[in-house]
Protein backbone atom coordinates (compact mmCIF):
# COMPACT_ATOMS: atom_id res chain seq x y z
CA MET A 1 -73.84 24.66 -3.11
CA LEU A 2 -72.43 22.10 -5.56
CA HIS A 3 -74.23 18.74 -5.64
CA LEU A 4 -72.01 15.90 -6.86
CA ARG A 5 -73.50 12.97 -8.71
CA GLU A 6 -71.99 9.98 -10.46
CA SER A 7 -71.80 10.73 -14.19
CA ARG A 8 -68.99 8.69 -15.73
CA THR A 9 -66.57 6.55 -13.82
CA LEU A 10 -63.07 6.08 -15.27
CA ARG A 11 -62.02 3.71 -12.55
CA GLN A 12 -63.86 1.72 -9.92
CA PRO A 13 -62.13 0.22 -6.84
CA SER A 14 -60.60 -3.17 -7.57
CA ASP A 15 -58.64 -5.74 -5.61
CA GLY A 16 -55.95 -3.91 -3.67
CA SER A 17 -57.29 -0.46 -4.54
CA THR A 18 -59.86 1.85 -3.02
CA LEU A 19 -59.57 4.57 -5.67
CA THR A 20 -62.54 5.81 -7.67
CA ILE A 21 -62.13 8.34 -10.53
CA THR A 22 -65.30 10.08 -11.65
CA ASP A 23 -66.07 12.60 -14.39
CA ILE A 24 -67.69 15.61 -12.69
CA THR A 25 -67.60 17.98 -15.65
CA GLY A 26 -71.36 18.48 -15.52
CA GLU A 27 -71.30 19.43 -11.89
CA ALA A 28 -68.32 21.76 -12.38
CA ALA A 29 -70.23 23.58 -15.14
CA GLU A 30 -72.51 25.01 -12.43
CA LEU A 31 -69.69 27.17 -11.05
CA PRO A 32 -68.82 30.70 -12.25
CA ALA A 33 -65.15 29.71 -12.73
CA PHE A 34 -66.09 27.10 -15.35
CA ASP A 35 -64.97 28.22 -18.81
CA GLN A 36 -65.83 25.52 -21.32
CA HIS A 37 -63.46 23.10 -19.58
CA GLU A 38 -63.07 19.88 -21.53
CA ARG A 39 -63.04 17.46 -18.60
CA ILE A 40 -62.99 17.51 -14.81
CA TRP A 41 -62.02 14.35 -12.94
CA CYS A 42 -62.44 13.70 -9.22
CA GLY A 43 -60.33 11.02 -7.58
CA ARG A 44 -61.46 9.74 -4.22
CA ASP A 45 -59.78 7.23 -1.92
CA ASP A 46 -61.14 7.57 1.59
CA GLU A 47 -58.91 4.82 2.94
CA ARG A 48 -55.76 6.61 1.82
CA GLY A 49 -57.02 10.14 2.40
CA LEU A 50 -57.18 11.34 -1.21
CA THR A 51 -59.61 13.83 -2.67
CA ALA A 52 -58.06 15.12 -5.90
CA ILE A 53 -59.55 17.25 -8.65
CA VAL A 54 -57.92 17.20 -12.10
CA ALA A 55 -59.21 20.01 -14.30
CA ILE A 56 -58.45 19.86 -18.01
CA HIS A 57 -59.29 23.21 -19.56
CA ASP A 58 -58.25 23.27 -23.24
CA THR A 59 -56.12 20.92 -25.30
CA SER A 60 -56.18 22.82 -28.60
CA LEU A 61 -52.41 23.22 -28.49
CA GLY A 62 -51.60 19.78 -26.99
CA PRO A 63 -52.19 17.55 -23.97
CA ALA A 64 -53.03 19.29 -20.69
CA LEU A 65 -50.15 20.14 -18.36
CA GLY A 66 -50.13 21.84 -14.95
CA GLY A 67 -48.82 21.44 -11.48
CA THR A 68 -50.36 19.61 -8.53
CA ARG A 69 -51.36 21.88 -5.66
CA ILE A 70 -51.95 20.45 -2.18
CA TRP A 71 -54.02 22.87 -0.15
CA PRO A 72 -56.52 22.52 2.73
CA HIS A 73 -59.52 24.16 1.14
CA GLN A 74 -62.49 24.49 3.43
CA SER A 75 -64.94 22.98 0.96
CA PHE A 76 -64.95 20.83 -2.14
CA GLU A 77 -66.49 23.71 -4.08
CA ALA A 78 -63.62 26.01 -3.11
CA ALA A 79 -61.08 23.42 -4.22
CA LEU A 80 -62.90 22.87 -7.51
CA THR A 81 -63.08 26.61 -8.16
CA ASP A 82 -59.35 26.83 -7.53
CA ALA A 83 -58.69 23.98 -9.98
CA LEU A 84 -60.90 25.58 -12.64
CA ARG A 85 -59.18 28.95 -12.37
CA LEU A 86 -55.67 27.51 -12.27
CA SER A 87 -56.21 25.19 -15.24
CA HIS A 88 -57.65 28.12 -17.24
CA GLY A 89 -54.51 30.10 -16.39
CA MET A 90 -52.32 27.24 -17.55
CA THR A 91 -53.96 27.31 -20.99
CA TYR A 92 -53.14 30.97 -21.26
CA LYS A 93 -49.61 30.46 -19.96
CA ALA A 94 -48.85 27.70 -22.45
CA ALA A 95 -50.31 29.68 -25.37
CA VAL A 96 -48.31 32.82 -24.61
CA ALA A 97 -45.14 30.84 -23.98
CA GLY A 98 -45.56 29.10 -27.34
CA VAL A 99 -45.29 25.53 -25.99
CA PRO A 100 -47.29 22.63 -27.48
CA PHE A 101 -49.42 21.92 -24.42
CA GLY A 102 -52.83 22.82 -23.08
CA GLY A 103 -53.95 23.81 -19.65
CA GLY A 104 -54.64 21.57 -16.70
CA LYS A 105 -54.25 21.52 -12.94
CA THR A 106 -54.69 19.27 -9.95
CA VAL A 107 -55.89 20.41 -6.56
CA ILE A 108 -55.62 17.89 -3.72
CA MET A 109 -57.67 18.73 -0.65
CA ALA A 110 -55.13 18.21 2.14
CA ASP A 111 -52.75 20.02 4.46
CA ALA A 112 -49.30 19.32 2.97
CA LYS A 113 -47.66 19.53 6.40
CA LYS A 114 -50.01 17.04 8.13
CA ASP A 115 -51.88 14.98 5.56
CA LYS A 116 -49.37 14.34 2.79
CA THR A 117 -48.50 10.69 3.34
CA PRO A 118 -46.97 8.03 1.11
CA ALA A 119 -50.40 6.38 1.02
CA LEU A 120 -52.05 9.58 -0.25
CA LEU A 121 -49.36 10.11 -2.87
CA SER A 122 -49.63 6.44 -3.95
CA ALA A 123 -53.37 6.82 -4.49
CA TYR A 124 -52.76 10.00 -6.50
CA ALA A 125 -50.12 8.23 -8.59
CA GLU A 126 -52.74 5.61 -9.50
CA MET A 127 -55.04 8.40 -10.62
CA LEU A 128 -52.27 9.99 -12.76
CA ALA A 129 -51.48 6.64 -14.37
CA ALA A 130 -55.13 6.21 -15.30
CA LEU A 131 -55.07 9.66 -16.93
CA GLU A 132 -51.91 9.06 -18.92
CA GLY A 133 -52.08 10.85 -22.26
CA GLN A 134 -54.67 13.32 -20.99
CA PHE A 135 -52.71 15.13 -18.29
CA PHE A 136 -49.10 15.78 -17.27
CA THR A 137 -48.18 17.28 -13.92
CA GLY A 138 -45.38 18.31 -11.58
CA GLU A 139 -44.41 20.41 -8.59
CA ASP A 140 -46.60 23.21 -7.20
CA VAL A 141 -47.66 24.60 -3.81
CA GLY A 142 -47.52 21.76 -1.31
CA LEU A 143 -45.90 19.27 -3.71
CA THR A 144 -42.12 19.14 -3.59
CA VAL A 145 -39.63 17.84 -6.12
CA ALA A 146 -39.13 14.80 -3.83
CA ASP A 147 -42.87 14.19 -4.07
CA ALA A 148 -42.69 14.49 -7.85
CA ASP A 149 -39.91 11.89 -7.87
CA PHE A 150 -42.12 9.63 -5.73
CA LEU A 151 -44.98 10.01 -8.22
CA ARG A 152 -42.69 9.55 -11.25
CA ASP A 153 -41.67 6.11 -9.93
CA ARG A 154 -45.35 5.12 -10.13
CA ALA A 155 -46.76 7.13 -13.06
CA PRO A 156 -45.18 8.11 -16.38
CA ASN A 157 -46.93 11.50 -16.76
CA VAL A 158 -44.94 13.44 -14.13
CA THR A 159 -42.48 16.19 -15.10
CA GLY A 160 -39.88 18.31 -13.31
CA THR A 161 -38.29 15.39 -11.51
CA THR A 162 -34.67 14.68 -10.69
CA LYS A 163 -35.05 11.18 -12.15
CA GLY A 164 -34.60 11.76 -15.86
CA GLY A 165 -36.43 15.06 -15.80
CA SER A 166 -35.46 18.73 -15.71
CA GLY A 167 -35.44 19.01 -11.92
CA ASN A 168 -36.99 21.69 -9.73
CA PRO A 169 -38.77 24.23 -11.96
CA SER A 170 -38.98 26.91 -9.25
CA PRO A 171 -35.56 28.53 -9.87
CA VAL A 172 -36.37 28.75 -13.57
CA THR A 173 -39.73 30.37 -12.79
CA ALA A 174 -37.88 32.84 -10.55
CA GLU A 175 -35.42 33.62 -13.36
CA GLY A 176 -38.26 34.45 -15.73
CA VAL A 177 -39.94 36.68 -13.10
CA PHE A 178 -36.63 38.40 -12.40
CA LEU A 179 -36.11 39.13 -16.09
CA GLY A 180 -39.73 40.27 -16.35
CA ILE A 181 -39.29 42.70 -13.44
CA LYS A 182 -36.33 44.24 -15.21
CA ALA A 183 -38.37 44.56 -18.41
CA ALA A 184 -41.16 46.33 -16.50
CA LEU A 185 -38.67 48.65 -14.84
CA PHE A 186 -37.12 49.54 -18.17
CA HIS A 187 -40.51 50.19 -19.74
CA GLN A 188 -41.56 52.47 -16.90
CA ARG A 189 -38.27 54.20 -16.11
CA GLY A 190 -36.04 53.72 -19.11
CA SER A 191 -33.54 51.83 -16.93
CA ALA A 192 -33.55 48.24 -15.72
CA THR A 193 -31.18 48.81 -12.79
CA LEU A 194 -32.41 47.38 -9.46
CA GLN A 195 -29.91 49.18 -7.28
CA GLY A 196 -31.88 50.79 -4.46
CA VAL A 197 -35.25 49.71 -5.89
CA ARG A 198 -37.70 48.65 -3.19
CA VAL A 199 -39.42 45.35 -3.97
CA ALA A 200 -42.18 43.93 -1.80
CA VAL A 201 -42.25 40.16 -2.15
CA GLN A 202 -45.37 38.40 -0.93
CA GLY A 203 -44.60 34.71 -0.36
CA LEU A 204 -41.25 33.11 0.30
CA GLY A 205 -41.75 29.61 -1.08
CA SER A 206 -39.41 28.04 -3.60
CA VAL A 207 -40.01 30.69 -6.26
CA GLY A 208 -40.30 33.69 -3.95
CA TYR A 209 -37.10 32.89 -2.07
CA SER A 210 -35.14 32.25 -5.28
CA LEU A 211 -36.41 35.56 -6.64
CA CYS A 212 -35.33 37.39 -3.50
CA LYS A 213 -31.86 36.01 -3.90
CA LYS A 214 -31.61 37.35 -7.45
CA LEU A 215 -33.08 40.73 -6.55
CA ARG A 216 -30.79 41.25 -3.61
CA ALA A 217 -27.74 40.26 -5.64
CA HIS A 218 -28.57 43.14 -8.00
CA GLY A 219 -28.94 45.71 -5.22
CA ALA A 220 -32.70 45.72 -4.53
CA HIS A 221 -34.02 46.48 -1.07
CA LEU A 222 -36.46 43.73 -0.09
CA ILE A 223 -39.66 43.93 1.90
CA VAL A 224 -41.05 40.47 2.62
CA ALA A 225 -44.05 38.69 4.09
CA ASP A 226 -45.06 35.06 4.47
CA ILE A 227 -47.42 33.03 6.64
CA ASP A 228 -44.38 30.94 7.68
CA GLU A 229 -42.37 32.96 10.21
CA SER A 230 -39.28 30.82 9.72
CA ARG A 231 -39.14 31.78 6.06
CA VAL A 232 -39.36 35.42 7.01
CA ALA A 233 -36.57 35.03 9.52
CA ASN A 234 -34.37 33.35 6.89
CA ALA A 235 -34.99 36.18 4.41
CA ARG A 236 -34.21 38.82 6.99
CA GLU A 237 -30.89 37.17 7.78
CA ALA A 238 -29.89 36.21 4.23
CA PHE A 239 -31.01 39.36 2.40
CA ASP A 240 -31.20 42.02 5.12
CA ALA A 241 -34.89 42.12 4.21
CA GLU A 242 -37.48 44.27 5.94
CA ALA A 243 -40.35 42.17 7.27
CA VAL A 244 -43.98 43.25 7.36
CA ALA A 245 -47.20 41.48 8.34
CA VAL A 246 -48.94 39.44 5.64
CA ASP A 247 -51.93 41.79 5.66
CA LYS A 248 -49.64 44.82 5.18
CA ILE A 249 -47.49 43.70 2.26
CA LEU A 250 -49.79 44.94 -0.50
CA ALA A 251 -49.68 48.48 0.90
CA ALA A 252 -45.94 48.47 1.56
CA GLU A 253 -43.89 51.51 0.53
CA ALA A 254 -42.31 49.87 -2.51
CA ASP A 255 -41.53 50.53 -6.13
CA ILE A 256 -42.48 47.00 -7.17
CA LEU A 257 -45.02 44.59 -5.68
CA SER A 258 -44.18 40.95 -6.44
CA PRO A 259 -46.99 38.53 -5.48
CA CYS A 260 -45.43 35.06 -5.13
CA ALA A 261 -48.03 33.24 -3.02
CA LEU A 262 -51.66 32.43 -3.79
CA GLY A 263 -53.91 34.22 -6.23
CA GLY A 264 -56.87 36.59 -6.08
CA ILE A 265 -55.06 39.21 -4.01
CA ILE A 266 -55.19 42.18 -6.45
CA SER A 267 -58.80 43.20 -5.96
CA ALA A 268 -60.93 46.31 -6.26
CA GLU A 269 -60.76 46.58 -2.48
CA ALA A 270 -56.96 46.23 -2.29
CA ILE A 271 -55.92 48.30 -5.29
CA PRO A 272 -56.47 51.76 -3.72
CA SER A 273 -53.90 50.92 -1.00
CA ILE A 274 -51.17 49.72 -3.41
CA LYS A 275 -48.28 52.16 -3.52
CA ALA A 276 -46.03 50.28 -5.94
CA GLY A 277 -45.88 51.46 -9.53
CA ILE A 278 -45.28 47.93 -10.89
CA ILE A 279 -46.90 44.60 -10.08
CA ALA A 280 -44.79 41.67 -11.28
CA GLY A 281 -44.71 38.32 -9.54
CA SER A 282 -44.94 34.56 -9.83
CA ALA A 283 -48.37 33.90 -8.27
CA ASN A 284 -51.06 32.52 -10.56
CA ASN A 285 -54.38 34.34 -10.99
CA GLN A 286 -53.21 37.46 -9.16
CA LEU A 287 -56.25 39.49 -10.18
CA ALA A 288 -59.43 38.79 -8.26
CA ARG A 289 -61.30 39.71 -11.46
CA HIS A 290 -60.03 40.21 -14.98
CA GLU A 291 -61.63 43.67 -14.93
CA ASP A 292 -59.49 44.79 -12.00
CA ALA A 293 -56.67 45.47 -14.44
CA HIS A 294 -58.65 48.54 -15.56
CA LEU A 295 -58.34 49.93 -12.05
CA LEU A 296 -54.58 49.34 -12.11
CA MET A 297 -54.28 51.18 -15.43
CA GLN A 298 -56.29 54.12 -14.07
CA ARG A 299 -53.80 54.39 -11.24
CA HIS A 300 -50.86 54.13 -13.66
CA ILE A 301 -49.70 50.85 -12.13
CA LEU A 302 -47.92 48.68 -14.70
CA TYR A 303 -49.16 45.11 -14.41
CA ALA A 304 -47.08 42.23 -15.84
CA PRO A 305 -49.73 39.54 -16.61
CA ASP A 306 -48.99 36.64 -14.29
CA TYR A 307 -49.22 33.87 -16.88
CA VAL A 308 -46.71 35.67 -19.05
CA ILE A 309 -44.06 36.52 -16.48
CA ASN A 310 -44.25 33.25 -14.53
CA ALA A 311 -44.02 30.89 -17.51
CA GLY A 312 -40.37 29.95 -16.94
CA GLY A 313 -41.09 26.75 -15.03
CA LEU A 314 -43.59 25.63 -17.66
CA ILE A 315 -41.11 26.32 -20.46
CA ASN A 316 -38.48 24.34 -18.61
CA VAL A 317 -40.54 21.18 -17.97
CA THR A 318 -41.99 21.12 -21.49
CA ALA A 319 -38.42 21.03 -22.80
CA GLU A 320 -38.28 17.49 -21.42
CA PHE A 321 -40.50 16.47 -24.41
CA ALA A 322 -38.12 17.82 -27.08
CA PRO A 323 -37.16 15.21 -29.71
CA GLY A 324 -33.55 15.23 -28.55
CA GLY A 325 -34.41 15.21 -24.89
CA TYR A 326 -34.03 17.93 -22.28
CA ASP A 327 -31.39 20.56 -23.03
CA ARG A 328 -31.13 23.21 -20.31
CA ASP A 329 -29.39 25.74 -22.56
CA ILE A 330 -32.22 25.57 -25.08
CA ALA A 331 -34.82 25.82 -22.32
CA MET A 332 -33.17 28.86 -20.74
CA ALA A 333 -32.89 30.56 -24.14
CA LYS A 334 -36.69 30.32 -24.38
CA VAL A 335 -37.11 31.62 -20.83
CA ARG A 336 -35.03 34.66 -21.77
CA LYS A 337 -37.66 35.57 -24.34
CA ILE A 338 -40.19 36.35 -21.59
CA PRO A 339 -39.04 40.02 -21.40
CA GLU A 340 -39.53 40.37 -25.16
CA THR A 341 -43.13 39.16 -24.86
CA LEU A 342 -43.76 41.54 -21.96
CA LYS A 343 -42.23 44.45 -23.86
CA ASP A 344 -44.60 43.81 -26.77
CA ILE A 345 -47.56 43.65 -24.38
CA PHE A 346 -46.54 46.87 -22.59
CA VAL A 347 -46.06 48.77 -25.86
CA ARG A 348 -49.39 47.59 -27.31
CA SER A 349 -51.11 48.45 -24.03
CA ASP A 350 -49.76 52.01 -24.10
CA ARG A 351 -50.53 52.47 -27.76
CA GLN A 352 -54.08 51.10 -27.54
CA ARG A 353 -54.77 52.43 -24.04
CA ARG A 354 -55.96 49.00 -22.93
CA PRO A 355 -54.97 46.96 -19.86
CA THR A 356 -52.01 44.65 -20.27
CA ASN A 357 -54.01 41.56 -19.40
CA ASP A 358 -56.47 42.37 -22.21
CA ILE A 359 -53.54 42.47 -24.66
CA ALA A 360 -52.13 39.19 -23.32
CA ALA A 361 -55.51 37.51 -23.53
CA GLU A 362 -55.87 38.67 -27.11
CA ILE A 363 -52.56 36.99 -28.00
CA VAL A 364 -53.79 33.78 -26.36
CA MET A 365 -57.06 33.73 -28.28
CA GLU A 366 -55.27 34.39 -31.56
CA ARG A 367 -53.04 31.35 -30.98
CA LEU A 368 -55.88 29.11 -29.80
CA ARG A 369 -58.03 30.07 -32.82
CA ALA A 370 -55.15 29.31 -35.18
CA ALA A 371 -54.60 25.89 -33.58
CA ARG A 372 -58.30 25.03 -33.73
CA GLU A 373 -58.56 26.07 -37.36
CA LYS A 374 -55.53 24.02 -38.24
CA ASP A 375 -57.02 21.03 -36.44
CA GLU A 376 -60.31 21.46 -38.28
CA ARG A 377 -58.55 21.59 -41.65
CA THR A 378 -56.62 18.43 -40.77
CA ARG A 379 -59.85 16.59 -39.85
CA GLN A 380 -61.55 17.65 -43.08
CA GLY A 381 -58.61 16.56 -45.19
CA PRO A 382 -57.72 17.79 -48.68
CA ARG A 383 -60.53 19.23 -50.78
């Protein structure tokens, strides 16, 4: 069990505020998911119902950026573990996508349907403002674009807004996943056509639903599952989708499995039941363990590393920081390079007989090393 202790306080409650922001990096280092994270902040405001964890993993490539997830974790340790894993994934996503940002993530312990109030979001906005320069954030599970707009009115380090930003990143993420699915199909079959291809989509949130729309428009047969029955009903009506129970979707009779919900679902226990020949979806941290990719390779299941295929939203929001301002055409041109990156990973994986996520991680480490060496040379100055 994690034992929290005061170590360094960034902000103490003051007149009109009940927010405290504390550095809990030392405590977080006790957990298995900790991976040399640079800084972990915990924001607490009991009066306004906020418990928020901001995890900053690696800023070798630039300031940390990652979405804000609102989720009712059963324990602080579970929420912290989620933040650690997600921020680690954001570092990898940014490095592979070639954007000048590092990895970060916020997890707010709350039920977005019941606990997300203006007071809670106001307290979180104060936390973001205090972390300006260290961390940039935007929409994720439980945090809508309208919420991001609310935060942006109160803190400068919020992206993906409709108020001077690039807007909802979810459709752009879905576009990248769609293009990645076609790349995986082509690599495996020699054809990228989706006509008649059975795709099992787990999760019908903003990204999952947008992806379904694209897949159906190109002739795919959809099998869907979501914890929200209304979303399933909408997909059945809009896309003539086949609905299955949430606990049956991984084993669905499908050509492609597209996880678009929470992570950790591709595990040693689940893999033997997977019938799809391709796994390609938008969910972060799809593998329960990095090593599980070996099991997928043994079963000849082609895995599109999640932080490669789902980088479209990240690419889009980082385009807001371009010198000339946000240009959607330029952003989408970069998103359309996702299939090229995947093709390179697939080819190297086949040639070297190594899992695709090992190849992707190797690319990440090469880029992080190069950035760190450049930074070290800059600090040392001319010799």
